Protein backbone atom coordinates (compact mmCIF):
# COMPACT_ATOMS: atom_id res chain seq x y z
CA MET A 1 201.10 145.97 152.99
CA ARG A 2 201.36 149.43 153.59
CA ASN A 3 202.65 150.24 150.80
CA THR A 4 201.29 146.96 148.42
CA LEU A 5 197.82 149.00 149.76
CA ALA A 6 198.86 152.94 148.90
CA LEU A 7 200.22 151.78 145.74
CA SER A 8 196.60 150.21 144.43
CA PHE A 9 194.60 153.43 145.82
CA VAL A 10 196.98 155.14 143.99
CA LEU A 11 196.88 153.52 141.05
CA VAL A 12 192.10 153.29 140.87
CA VAL A 13 192.52 156.93 141.38
CA VAL A 14 194.55 157.36 138.51
CA LEU A 15 192.87 154.48 135.99
CA SER A 16 189.58 155.81 136.67
CA ALA A 17 190.66 159.74 136.23
CA LEU A 18 191.51 158.51 132.59
CA PRO A 19 188.55 158.27 130.17
CA GLY A 20 187.23 162.25 131.93
CA LEU A 21 191.14 163.66 130.58
CA PHE A 22 190.46 161.85 127.35
CA GLY A 23 186.89 163.63 126.65
CA ALA A 24 185.29 159.87 127.73
CA SER A 25 183.03 158.64 129.75
CA LEU A 26 182.15 154.60 131.31
CA GLN A 27 178.61 154.20 131.42
CA CYS A 28 177.36 150.53 132.63
CA ILE A 29 173.63 148.95 132.99
CA ASN A 30 173.23 145.92 134.47
CA GLN A 31 171.08 143.17 132.36
CA GLY A 32 169.36 141.06 133.92
CA ILE A 33 166.89 137.39 133.55
CA ASP A 34 165.49 135.99 135.85
CA GLY A 35 162.39 133.66 137.11
CA VAL A 36 163.15 129.83 137.97
CA ALA A 37 162.44 129.25 133.81
CA SER A 38 165.06 131.80 132.90
CA PRO A 39 167.84 131.06 130.51
CA ASN A 40 171.87 130.50 132.72
CA TYR A 41 172.97 133.58 129.83
CA ALA A 42 172.47 137.06 130.05
CA THR A 43 173.49 139.55 126.39
CA CYS A 44 174.52 142.74 126.52
CA PRO A 45 173.12 145.41 124.01
CA SER A 46 175.06 146.06 120.93
CA GLY A 47 178.04 148.64 122.04
CA TYR A 48 178.44 146.76 125.42
CA THR A 49 180.75 144.75 127.05
CA VAL A 50 180.42 142.19 130.07
CA THR A 51 182.73 143.33 132.73
CA GLY A 52 181.08 141.43 134.89
CA CYS A 53 178.40 138.61 136.08
CA SER A 54 176.48 136.83 138.43
CA CYS A 55 174.94 133.82 138.44
CA GLY A 56 172.05 132.24 140.98
CA MET A 57 171.09 129.06 142.60
CA ALA A 58 174.79 129.81 144.73
CA CYS A 59 176.51 128.91 141.01
CA GLY A 60 179.17 130.41 140.80
CA SER A 61 180.82 129.05 137.55
CA TYR A 62 180.45 131.39 134.82
CA SER A 63 182.16 132.05 131.30
CA ILE A 64 182.15 135.48 128.88
CA GLU A 65 181.26 134.43 125.66
CA ASN A 66 181.43 136.63 121.97
CA VAL A 67 177.46 135.89 120.80
CA SER A 68 176.49 137.65 117.19
CA GLY A 69 176.66 140.81 116.48
CA GLY A 70 179.72 141.86 118.05
CA ARG A 71 177.56 141.14 121.85
CA THR A 72 178.90 139.57 124.90
CA ARG A 73 177.24 137.74 127.51
CA CYS A 74 177.50 135.50 130.78
CA PHE A 75 177.31 132.28 130.40
CA CYS A 76 176.37 130.49 133.98
CA HIS A 77 176.77 126.81 133.91
CA LEU A 78 175.05 124.51 134.56
CA GLY A 79 177.36 121.94 136.51
CA CYS A 80 177.44 123.57 139.42
CA ASN A 81 174.13 123.03 139.51
CA GLY A 82 172.93 119.31 138.83
CA GLY A 83 171.24 120.15 135.66
CA ARG A 84 168.63 122.62 137.00
CA ASN A 85 167.86 126.17 135.13
CA ILE A 86 170.11 128.81 137.10
CA ASP A 87 166.68 131.53 139.05
CA TRP A 88 168.56 134.43 137.56
CA THR A 89 171.83 135.50 135.38
CA LEU A 90 172.80 138.69 135.71
CA ALA A 91 175.64 140.89 133.41
CA ARG A 92 177.13 144.19 133.90
CA CYS A 93 177.39 145.63 131.10
CA CYS A 94 180.02 148.62 130.43
CA LYS A 95 181.06 150.68 127.81
CA VAL A 96 183.08 153.70 126.49
CA SER A 97 181.33 157.19 125.20
CA TYR A 98 182.90 159.96 124.03
């Protein structure tokens, strides 16, 4: 177990340093929709890709979808909430800049 944790730590350090070695940086933003009547999706701006999702109303079921214009979005499934609207949806959106 200790060796696995040590290897995981080393991998995280090395992988987080890779973009900087190539003159790149990772930029991330949160794109959210809030409100009782909000749609059950949050779309990343052009140039960004969804890297994580969160859904309100204790709904942990989501998918990452491609939408028009080469953009991606976090889509929260309504089935886990009895078909009612989700009260908020959050997408973590990231891009690599050189």
